[in-house]
C-alpha atoms as a PDB file:
ATOM      1  CA  MET A   1      77.859 -61.223   9.827  1.00  0.00           C
ATOM      2  CA  LYS A   2      77.692 -64.603   8.110  1.00  0.00           C
ATOM      3  CA  THR A   3      76.773 -67.592  10.262  1.00  0.00           C
ATOM      4  CA  ILE A   4      78.766 -70.648   9.214  1.00  0.00           C
ATOM      5  CA  VAL A   5      78.485 -74.184  10.596  1.00  0.00           C
ATOM      6  CA  VAL A   6      81.573 -76.415  10.393  1.00  0.00           C
ATOM      7  CA  THR A   7      81.211 -80.065  11.371  1.00  0.00           C
ATOM      8  CA  GLY A   8      84.218 -81.740  12.955  1.00  0.00           C
ATOM      9  CA  ALA A   9      85.550 -78.297  13.851  1.00  0.00           C
ATOM     10  CA  ASN A  10      87.610 -79.224  16.903  1.00  0.00           C
ATOM     11  CA  ALA A  11      90.598 -80.730  15.067  1.00  0.00           C
ATOM     12  CA  GLY A  12      92.463 -81.082  11.804  1.00  0.00           C
ATOM     13  CA  MET A  13      90.995 -79.588   8.676  1.00  0.00           C
ATOM     14  CA  GLY A  14      87.750 -78.666  10.434  1.00  0.00           C
ATOM     15  CA  TYR A  15      89.629 -76.591  12.987  1.00  0.00           C
ATOM     16  CA  ALA A  16      91.689 -74.948  10.239  1.00  0.00           C
ATOM     17  CA  THR A  17      88.484 -74.150   8.344  1.00  0.00           C
ATOM     18  CA  ALA A  18      86.815 -72.674  11.423  1.00  0.00           C
ATOM     19  CA  GLU A  19      89.931 -70.650  12.215  1.00  0.00           C
ATOM     20  CA  ALA A  20      90.150 -69.154   8.718  1.00  0.00           C
ATOM     21  CA  LEU A  21      86.468 -68.211   8.787  1.00  0.00           C
ATOM     22  CA  ALA A  22      86.710 -66.741  12.291  1.00  0.00           C
ATOM     23  CA  ARG A  23      89.637 -64.572  11.163  1.00  0.00           C
ATOM     24  CA  GLU A  24      87.426 -63.275   8.343  1.00  0.00           C
ATOM     25  CA  GLY A  25      84.860 -62.166  10.927  1.00  0.00           C
ATOM     26  CA  ALA A  26      82.253 -64.890  10.504  1.00  0.00           C
ATOM     27  CA  HIS A  27      79.989 -66.155  13.257  1.00  0.00           C
ATOM     28  CA  VAL A  28      81.259 -69.737  13.440  1.00  0.00           C
ATOM     29  CA  ILE A  29      79.241 -72.614  14.854  1.00  0.00           C
ATOM     30  CA  MET A  30      81.539 -75.499  15.733  1.00  0.00           C
ATOM     31  CA  TYR A  31      79.684 -78.820  15.442  1.00  0.00           C
ATOM     32  CA  CYS A  32      81.623 -81.363  17.506  1.00  0.00           C
ATOM     33  CA  ARG A  33      81.030 -84.801  19.000  1.00  0.00           C
ATOM     34  CA  SER A  34      82.936 -84.263  22.257  1.00  0.00           C
ATOM     35  CA  GLN A  35      81.943 -81.549  24.724  1.00  0.00           C
ATOM     36  CA  GLU A  36      85.430 -81.518  26.248  1.00  0.00           C
ATOM     37  CA  ARG A  37      87.379 -81.341  22.994  1.00  0.00           C
ATOM     38  CA  GLY A  38      84.878 -78.978  21.427  1.00  0.00           C
ATOM     39  CA  ALA A  39      84.991 -76.531  24.343  1.00  0.00           C
ATOM     40  CA  ALA A  40      88.794 -76.575  24.357  1.00  0.00           C
ATOM     41  CA  ALA A  41      88.891 -75.877  20.614  1.00  0.00           C
ATOM     42  CA  GLN A  42      86.281 -73.128  20.957  1.00  0.00           C
ATOM     43  CA  LYS A  43      88.343 -71.381  23.627  1.00  0.00           C
ATOM     44  CA  ALA A  44      91.545 -71.747  21.599  1.00  0.00           C
ATOM     45  CA  LEU A  45      89.885 -70.270  18.503  1.00  0.00           C
ATOM     46  CA  GLN A  46      88.456 -67.327  20.405  1.00  0.00           C
ATOM     47  CA  GLU A  47      91.860 -66.568  21.883  1.00  0.00           C
ATOM     48  CA  SER A  48      93.856 -67.008  18.661  1.00  0.00           C
ATOM     49  CA  THR A  49      91.496 -65.056  16.391  1.00  0.00           C
ATOM     50  CA  GLY A  50      90.061 -62.484  18.790  1.00  0.00           C
ATOM     51  CA  ASN A  51      86.637 -63.446  17.457  1.00  0.00           C
ATOM     52  CA  HIS A  52      84.233 -64.332  20.262  1.00  0.00           C
ATOM     53  CA  ALA A  53      81.294 -64.988  17.940  1.00  0.00           C
ATOM     54  CA  ILE A  54      82.134 -68.689  18.048  1.00  0.00           C
ATOM     55  CA  ASP A  55      79.467 -71.076  19.303  1.00  0.00           C
ATOM     56  CA  LEU A  56      79.608 -74.774  20.085  1.00  0.00           C
ATOM     57  CA  VAL A  57      76.980 -77.395  19.293  1.00  0.00           C
ATOM     58  CA  ILE A  58      77.447 -81.000  20.369  1.00  0.00           C
ATOM     59  CA  GLY A  59      76.250 -83.725  18.019  1.00  0.00           C
ATOM     60  CA  ASP A  60      77.298 -87.248  17.080  1.00  0.00           C
ATOM     61  CA  LEU A  61      77.010 -87.871  13.343  1.00  0.00           C
ATOM     62  CA  GLY A  62      77.083 -91.592  14.110  1.00  0.00           C
ATOM     63  CA  SER A  63      73.713 -91.350  15.859  1.00  0.00           C
ATOM     64  CA  LEU A  64      70.570 -90.258  14.041  1.00  0.00           C
ATOM     65  CA  GLU A  65      68.955 -89.418  17.377  1.00  0.00           C
ATOM     66  CA  SER A  66      71.875 -87.158  18.292  1.00  0.00           C
ATOM     67  CA  VAL A  67      71.797 -85.479  14.878  1.00  0.00           C
ATOM     68  CA  GLN A  68      68.101 -84.764  15.269  1.00  0.00           C
ATOM     69  CA  HIS A  69      68.550 -83.365  18.787  1.00  0.00           C
ATOM     70  CA  SER A  70      71.418 -81.117  17.675  1.00  0.00           C
ATOM     71  CA  ALA A  71      69.464 -79.844  14.666  1.00  0.00           C
ATOM     72  CA  THR A  72      66.525 -79.018  16.933  1.00  0.00           C
ATOM     73  CA  GLU A  73      68.910 -77.144  19.232  1.00  0.00           C
ATOM     74  CA  MET A  74      70.307 -75.120  16.325  1.00  0.00           C
ATOM     75  CA  ARG A  75      66.842 -74.232  15.066  1.00  0.00           C
ATOM     76  CA  ARG A  76      66.079 -72.962  18.572  1.00  0.00           C
ATOM     77  CA  ARG A  77      69.332 -71.039  19.112  1.00  0.00           C
ATOM     78  CA  PHE A  78      70.030 -69.491  15.714  1.00  0.00           C
ATOM     79  CA  ASP A  79      67.967 -67.384  13.310  1.00  0.00           C
ATOM     80  CA  LYS A  80      69.690 -68.517  10.122  1.00  0.00           C
ATOM     81  CA  ILE A  81      72.643 -70.368   8.649  1.00  0.00           C
ATOM     82  CA  ASP A  82      74.475 -68.785   5.731  1.00  0.00           C
ATOM     83  CA  VAL A  83      76.876 -71.662   5.094  1.00  0.00           C
ATOM     84  CA  LEU A  84      76.944 -75.306   6.158  1.00  0.00           C
ATOM     85  CA  ILE A  85      80.296 -77.059   5.730  1.00  0.00           C
ATOM     86  CA  ASP A  86      79.934 -80.843   5.984  1.00  0.00           C
ATOM     87  CA  ASN A  87      83.541 -81.548   6.911  1.00  0.00           C
ATOM     88  CA  ALA A  88      83.671 -84.158   9.686  1.00  0.00           C
ATOM     89  CA  GLY A  89      85.082 -87.509   8.686  1.00  0.00           C
ATOM     90  CA  VAL A  90      86.137 -90.807  10.156  1.00  0.00           C
ATOM     91  CA  VAL A  91      88.351 -93.629   8.906  1.00  0.00           C
ATOM     92  CA  THR A  92      88.349 -97.101  10.434  1.00  0.00           C
ATOM     93  CA  LEU A  93      90.801 -99.865   9.607  1.00  0.00           C
ATOM     94  CA  LYS A  94      88.465-102.600  10.850  1.00  0.00           C
ATOM     95  CA  LYS A  95      84.733-102.996  10.428  1.00  0.00           C
ATOM     96  CA  GLU A  96      82.744-100.965  12.933  1.00  0.00           C
ATOM     97  CA  SER A  97      79.128 -99.854  13.099  1.00  0.00           C
ATOM     98  CA  THR A  98      77.336 -96.692  14.177  1.00  0.00           C
ATOM     99  CA  LYS A  99      74.721 -96.666  16.923  1.00  0.00           C
ATOM    100  CA  ASP A 100      72.113 -97.160  14.211  1.00  0.00           C
ATOM    101  CA  GLY A 101      73.877-100.146  12.663  1.00  0.00           C
ATOM    102  CA  PHE A 102      75.368 -98.507   9.582  1.00  0.00           C
ATOM    103  CA  GLU A 103      78.961 -99.284   8.563  1.00  0.00           C
ATOM    104  CA  LYS A 104      80.758 -96.555  10.492  1.00  0.00           C
ATOM    105  CA  MET A 105      82.438 -94.633   7.676  1.00  0.00           C
ATOM    106  CA  LEU A 106      79.244 -94.551   5.620  1.00  0.00           C
ATOM    107  CA  GLY A 107      77.156 -93.778   8.702  1.00  0.00           C
ATOM    108  CA  VAL A 108      79.262 -90.869   9.958  1.00  0.00           C
ATOM    109  CA  ASN A 109      80.665 -89.408   6.760  1.00  0.00           C
ATOM    110  CA  TYR A 110      77.495 -89.711   4.697  1.00  0.00           C
ATOM    111  CA  VAL A 111      74.301 -90.686   6.538  1.00  0.00           C
ATOM    112  CA  GLY A 112      74.863 -88.342   9.482  1.00  0.00           C
ATOM    113  CA  HIS A 113      75.691 -85.432   7.195  1.00  0.00           C
ATOM    114  CA  TYR A 114      72.718 -86.192   4.937  1.00  0.00           C
ATOM    115  CA  GLU A 115      70.317 -86.060   7.879  1.00  0.00           C
ATOM    116  CA  LEU A 116      71.936 -82.986   9.436  1.00  0.00           C
ATOM    117  CA  THR A 117      71.859 -81.114   6.131  1.00  0.00           C
ATOM    118  CA  ARG A 118      68.225 -82.033   5.541  1.00  0.00           C
ATOM    119  CA  LEU A 119      67.202 -80.900   9.020  1.00  0.00           C
ATOM    120  CA  LEU A 120      69.060 -77.584   8.739  1.00  0.00           C
ATOM    121  CA  LEU A 121      67.450 -76.590   5.431  1.00  0.00           C
ATOM    122  CA  PRO A 122      64.877 -74.343   7.167  1.00  0.00           C
ATOM    123  CA  LEU A 123      67.719 -72.256   8.663  1.00  0.00           C
ATOM    124  CA  LEU A 124      69.592 -72.186   5.352  1.00  0.00           C
ATOM    125  CA  LYS A 125      66.455 -71.009   3.552  1.00  0.00           C
ATOM    126  CA  ARG A 126      66.209 -68.038   5.930  1.00  0.00           C
ATOM    127  CA  ALA A 127      69.581 -66.718   4.722  1.00  0.00           C
ATOM    128  CA  ASP A 128      70.192 -64.837   1.499  1.00  0.00           C
ATOM    129  CA  HIS A 129      72.078 -67.005  -0.991  1.00  0.00           C
ATOM    130  CA  ALA A 130      73.073 -69.736   1.455  1.00  0.00           C
ATOM    131  CA  ARG A 131      75.718 -72.302   0.586  1.00  0.00           C
ATOM    132  CA  ILE A 132      76.264 -75.973   1.387  1.00  0.00           C
ATOM    133  CA  VAL A 133      79.867 -77.147   1.073  1.00  0.00           C
ATOM    134  CA  ILE A 134      80.532 -80.882   1.182  1.00  0.00           C
ATOM    135  CA  VAL A 135      84.068 -82.123   1.855  1.00  0.00           C
ATOM    136  CA  ALA A 136      84.321 -85.306  -0.186  1.00  0.00           C
ATOM    137  CA  SER A 137      87.435 -86.964  -1.617  1.00  0.00           C
ATOM    138  CA  GLY A 138      89.031 -88.312  -4.761  1.00  0.00           C
ATOM    139  CA  ALA A 139      88.892 -91.661  -2.959  1.00  0.00           C
ATOM    140  CA  TYR A 140      85.469 -92.105  -4.591  1.00  0.00           C
ATOM    141  CA  GLN A 141      87.435 -93.673  -7.436  1.00  0.00           C
ATOM    142  CA  PHE A 142      88.240 -96.667  -5.213  1.00  0.00           C
ATOM    143  CA  VAL A 143      84.645 -97.871  -5.668  1.00  0.00           C
ATOM    144  CA  PRO A 144      83.986 -99.878  -8.874  1.00  0.00           C
ATOM    145  CA  ASP A 145      81.404 -98.312 -11.193  1.00  0.00           C
ATOM    146  CA  GLN A 146      79.200-101.397 -11.013  1.00  0.00           C
ATOM    147  CA  ASP A 147      79.173-101.276  -7.203  1.00  0.00           C
ATOM    148  CA  GLN A 148      76.145 -99.039  -6.643  1.00  0.00           C
ATOM    149  CA  ASP A 149      74.603-100.483  -3.470  1.00  0.00           C
ATOM    150  CA  PHE A 150      75.881 -98.309  -0.652  1.00  0.00           C
ATOM    151  CA  PHE A 151      74.181-100.014   2.278  1.00  0.00           C
ATOM    152  CA  ASP A 152      74.345-103.767   1.616  1.00  0.00           C
ATOM    153  CA  VAL A 153      78.060-104.423   1.332  1.00  0.00           C
ATOM    154  CA  ALA A 154      79.723-107.834   1.387  1.00  0.00           C
ATOM    155  CA  GLY A 155      83.096-107.957   3.131  1.00  0.00           C
ATOM    156  CA  PHE A 156      85.119-105.015   4.385  1.00  0.00           C
ATOM    157  CA  LEU A 157      88.036-103.228   2.752  1.00  0.00           C
ATOM    158  CA  PRO A 158      88.952 -99.965   4.536  1.00  0.00           C
ATOM    159  CA  TRP A 159      89.972 -98.034   1.433  1.00  0.00           C
ATOM    160  CA  ARG A 160      86.888 -99.178  -0.482  1.00  0.00           C
ATOM    161  CA  GLU A 161      84.438 -98.340   2.300  1.00  0.00           C
ATOM    162  CA  TYR A 162      86.050 -94.950   2.874  1.00  0.00           C
ATOM    163  CA  GLY A 163      85.766 -94.305  -0.860  1.00  0.00           C
ATOM    164  CA  ARG A 164      82.165 -95.478  -0.793  1.00  0.00           C
ATOM    165  CA  SER A 165      81.306 -92.963   1.936  1.00  0.00           C
ATOM    166  CA  LYS A 166      82.946 -90.156  -0.029  1.00  0.00           C
ATOM    167  CA  LYS A 167      81.274 -91.167  -3.283  1.00  0.00           C
ATOM    168  CA  ALA A 168      77.985 -91.045  -1.389  1.00  0.00           C
ATOM    169  CA  MET A 169      78.833 -87.503  -0.258  1.00  0.00           C
ATOM    170  CA  ILE A 170      79.490 -86.457  -3.864  1.00  0.00           C
ATOM    171  CA  LEU A 171      76.154 -87.936  -4.922  1.00  0.00           C
ATOM    172  CA  MET A 172      74.559 -86.195  -1.930  1.00  0.00           C
ATOM    173  CA  ALA A 173      75.837 -82.867  -3.256  1.00  0.00           C
ATOM    174  CA  GLU A 174      74.356 -83.687  -6.653  1.00  0.00           C
ATOM    175  CA  ALA A 175      71.001 -84.628  -5.121  1.00  0.00           C
ATOM    176  CA  PHE A 176      70.729 -81.608  -2.826  1.00  0.00           C
ATOM    177  CA  ALA A 177      71.753 -79.284  -5.668  1.00  0.00           C
ATOM    178  CA  ASP A 178      68.954 -80.757  -7.766  1.00  0.00           C
ATOM    179  CA  GLN A 179      66.421 -80.590  -4.929  1.00  0.00           C
ATOM    180  CA  LEU A 180      67.308 -76.929  -4.284  1.00  0.00           C
ATOM    181  CA  ARG A 181      67.663 -75.805  -7.902  1.00  0.00           C
ATOM    182  CA  ASN A 182      64.684 -73.430  -7.631  1.00  0.00           C
ATOM    183  CA  THR A 183      66.051 -71.744  -4.497  1.00  0.00           C
ATOM    184  CA  ASP A 184      69.041 -69.449  -3.997  1.00  0.00           C
ATOM    185  CA  ILE A 185      70.949 -72.142  -2.054  1.00  0.00           C
ATOM    186  CA  THR A 186      74.032 -73.532  -3.785  1.00  0.00           C
ATOM    187  CA  VAL A 187      75.566 -76.938  -3.114  1.00  0.00           C
ATOM    188  CA  ASN A 188      79.085 -77.967  -4.102  1.00  0.00           C
ATOM    189  CA  ALA A 189      81.495 -80.759  -3.191  1.00  0.00           C
ATOM    190  CA  LEU A 190      85.272 -80.748  -3.070  1.00  0.00           C
ATOM    191  CA  HIS A 191      88.368 -82.892  -2.795  1.00  0.00           C
ATOM    192  CA  PRO A 192      90.786 -81.371  -0.247  1.00  0.00           C
ATOM    193  CA  GLY A 193      93.813 -83.411  -1.321  1.00  0.00           C
ATOM    194  CA  ALA A 194      95.761 -85.800   0.877  1.00  0.00           C
ATOM    195  CA  VAL A 195      95.733 -83.978   4.199  1.00  0.00           C
ATOM    196  CA  ALA A 196      97.728 -84.736   7.341  1.00  0.00           C
ATOM    197  CA  THR A 197      95.030 -84.831  10.036  1.00  0.00           C
ATOM    198  CA  SER A 198      94.440 -86.204  13.504  1.00  0.00           C
ATOM    199  CA  LEU A 199      92.561 -89.126  11.986  1.00  0.00           C
ATOM    200  CA  GLY A 200      95.888 -90.922  11.769  1.00  0.00           C
ATOM    201  CA  VAL A 201      95.417 -91.629   8.090  1.00  0.00           C
ATOM    202  CA  SER A 202      95.389 -89.844   4.764  1.00  0.00           C
ATOM    203  CA  ARG A 203      91.962 -88.523   3.819  1.00  0.00           C
ATOM    204  CA  LYS A 204      92.721 -89.772   0.326  1.00  0.00           C
ATOM    205  CA  THR A 205      93.876 -93.325   0.803  1.00  0.00           C
ATOM    206  CA  GLY A 206      93.247 -94.690   4.255  1.00  0.00           C
ATOM    207  CA  PHE A 207      96.902 -95.492   4.895  1.00  0.00           C
ATOM    208  CA  GLY A 208      97.683 -96.678   8.420  1.00  0.00           C
ATOM    209  CA  LYS A 209      99.655 -94.706  10.970  1.00  0.00           C
ATOM    210  CA  ALA A 210     103.074 -96.133  10.074  1.00  0.00           C
ATOM    211  CA  VAL A 211     102.736 -95.139   6.435  1.00  0.00           C
ATOM    212  CA  TYR A 212     101.166 -91.844   7.518  1.00  0.00           C
ATOM    213  CA  LYS A 213     104.282 -90.922   9.523  1.00  0.00           C
ATOM    214  CA  VAL A 214     106.563 -91.655   6.573  1.00  0.00           C
ATOM    215  CA  LEU A 215     104.462 -89.682   4.111  1.00  0.00           C
ATOM    216  CA  THR A 216     103.466 -86.752   6.336  1.00  0.00           C
ATOM    217  CA  PRO A 217     106.017 -84.369   4.728  1.00  0.00           C
ATOM    218  CA  PHE A 218     104.263 -84.889   1.381  1.00  0.00           C
ATOM    219  CA  PHE A 219     100.738 -84.214   2.653  1.00  0.00           C
ATOM    220  CA  LYS A 220      98.981 -80.874   2.663  1.00  0.00           C
ATOM    221  CA  THR A 221      98.697 -79.171   6.030  1.00  0.00           C
ATOM    222  CA  PRO A 222      95.165 -78.908   7.468  1.00  0.00           C
ATOM    223  CA  ALA A 223      95.147 -75.206   6.542  1.00  0.00           C
ATOM    224  CA  GLN A 224      96.096 -76.009   2.950  1.00  0.00           C
ATOM    225  CA  GLY A 225      93.443 -78.716   2.825  1.00  0.00           C
ATOM    226  CA  ALA A 226      90.840 -76.278   4.144  1.00  0.00           C
ATOM    227  CA  ASP A 227      91.551 -73.701   1.438  1.00  0.00           C
ATOM    228  CA  THR A 228      88.993 -74.870  -1.127  1.00  0.00           C
ATOM    229  CA  ALA A 229      86.277 -75.296   1.515  1.00  0.00           C
ATOM    230  CA  VAL A 230      86.857 -71.733   2.737  1.00  0.00           C
ATOM    231  CA  TYR A 231      86.865 -70.523  -0.873  1.00  0.00           C
ATOM    232  CA  LEU A 232      83.537 -72.214  -1.619  1.00  0.00           C
ATOM    233  CA  ALA A 233      82.074 -70.854   1.612  1.00  0.00           C
ATOM    234  CA  THR A 234      83.049 -67.228   1.066  1.00  0.00           C
ATOM    235  CA  SER A 235      84.157 -66.315  -2.453  1.00  0.00           C
ATOM    236  CA  PRO A 236      81.856 -64.199  -4.640  1.00  0.00           C
ATOM    237  CA  GLU A 237      83.384 -66.028  -7.618  1.00  0.00           C
ATOM    238  CA  VAL A 238      81.280 -69.116  -6.876  1.00  0.00           C
ATOM    239  CA  ALA A 239      78.126 -67.409  -5.587  1.00  0.00           C
ATOM    240  CA  ALA A 240      76.023 -68.659  -8.507  1.00  0.00           C
ATOM    241  CA  ILE A 241      77.693 -72.039  -9.037  1.00  0.00           C
ATOM    242  CA  SER A 242      75.951 -75.181  -7.821  1.00  0.00           C
ATOM    243  CA  GLY A 243      76.195 -78.935  -8.329  1.00  0.00           C
ATOM    244  CA  GLN A 244      79.935 -78.930  -9.057  1.00  0.00           C
ATOM    245  CA  TYR A 245      83.011 -80.747  -7.741  1.00  0.00           C
ATOM    246  CA  PHE A 246      86.106 -78.674  -6.962  1.00  0.00           C
ATOM    247  CA  VAL A 247      89.782 -79.540  -6.613  1.00  0.00           C
ATOM    248  CA  ASP A 248      92.209 -76.742  -5.693  1.00  0.00           C
ATOM    249  CA  ARG A 249      89.463 -74.140  -6.290  1.00  0.00           C
ATOM    250  CA  GLN A 250      88.836 -75.437  -9.823  1.00  0.00           C
ATOM    251  CA  ILE A 251      85.746 -77.199 -11.176  1.00  0.00           C
ATOM    252  CA  THR A 252      86.842 -80.740 -11.965  1.00  0.00           C
ATOM    253  CA  ALA A 253      85.090 -83.468 -13.942  1.00  0.00           C
ATOM    254  CA  LEU A 254      83.932 -86.525 -12.022  1.00  0.00           C
ATOM    255  CA  ASP A 255      84.417 -90.074 -13.240  1.00  0.00           C
ATOM    256  CA  ILE A 256      80.979 -91.271 -12.141  1.00  0.00           C
ATOM    257  CA  PRO A 257      78.795 -92.703 -14.939  1.00  0.00           C
ATOM    258  CA  ASN A 258      75.082 -91.830 -14.722  1.00  0.00           C
ATOM    259  CA  LYS A 259      75.810 -89.521 -11.792  1.00  0.00           C
ATOM    260  CA  LYS A 260      72.373 -87.919 -11.680  1.00  0.00           C
ATOM    261  CA  GLN A 261      70.582 -91.283 -11.772  1.00  0.00           C
ATOM    262  CA  GLN A 262      72.885 -92.693  -9.080  1.00  0.00           C
ATOM    263  CA  ALA A 263      72.282 -89.622  -6.923  1.00  0.00           C
ATOM    264  CA  GLN A 264      68.512 -89.957  -7.236  1.00  0.00           C
ATOM    265  CA  ALA A 265      68.639 -93.676  -6.426  1.00  0.00           C
ATOM    266  CA  LEU A 266      70.859 -93.089  -3.391  1.00  0.00           C
ATOM    267  CA  TRP A 267      68.551 -90.319  -2.152  1.00  0.00           C
ATOM    268  CA  VAL A 268      65.564 -92.687  -2.188  1.00  0.00           C
ATOM    269  CA  GLN A 269      67.553 -95.520  -0.629  1.00  0.00           C
ATOM    270  CA  THR A 270      68.896 -93.254   2.117  1.00  0.00           C
ATOM    271  CA  GLN A 271      65.435 -92.007   3.046  1.00  0.00           C
ATOM    272  CA  ARG A 272      64.248 -95.620   3.276  1.00  0.00           C
ATOM    273  CA  GLU A 273      67.248 -96.744   5.341  1.00  0.00           C
ATOM    274  CA  ILE A 274      66.889 -93.854   7.794  1.00  0.00           C
ATOM    275  CA  ALA A 275      63.166 -94.482   8.199  1.00  0.00           C
ATOM    276  CA  ASP A 276      63.789 -98.196   8.774  1.00  0.00           C
ATOM    277  CA  HIS A 277      66.464 -97.544  11.413  1.00  0.00           C
ATOM    278  CA  LEU A 278      64.394 -94.936  13.245  1.00  0.00           C
ATOM    279  CA  ASN A 279      61.406 -97.284  13.360  1.00  0.00           C
ATOM    280  CA  GLN A 280      63.359-100.168  14.901  1.00  0.00           C
END
């Protein structure tokens, strides 16, 4: 039985992803911020799928301390992780910060996932041919090519900062794929499309709720949005593919100049930023 972690698994695309995997017989670990919402979603999934191999781990991606505690808990509770799906995401329409002082979208969508992924590598290395699946977005294109400083940002534009967090996730996939190139762990990123989720906004654009309601009929359902993530997590067709970006199950070229160099620079900067925040 494959053990698969899904972050943000209590709602929206994360729930749809967890449900599809549970129906396929996987041992699903739901990584959720809220104990109440997570437990309710866990119970609902067990009842709807008949799969009781569904565990719940509580962790706040907006808190490095919480991420570290949850990773320690998982290393204690579980023998291995076959697949890690970095799915959780947040959109804010005004500037907010995480508990560690990062801009909230960057802090939750990218920094929290970076640290969680890094800390779970020992469990991933215990599995045979483990996979890391990173749910990014085509919104990376909202960030100008010359704008390569992810942490020191002047001003606040919701669509740009959301795109920045997703571009960082794409570069994270590139960096982890490079770091793990001599192992049997694969790392791929994906764009799920514009998905109608409980975030109240499109995962592609950051539209507000009013526009969201008007455009909902044109969005993918959470289950449709989850399709490529489930495919990358389970399909033998991609077992040997790493360091790629997928849209609708297809490898798709990225419009990111000097991607490898940007990924390496962001990796170093992220390590420095995390160390600085933890030492405060």
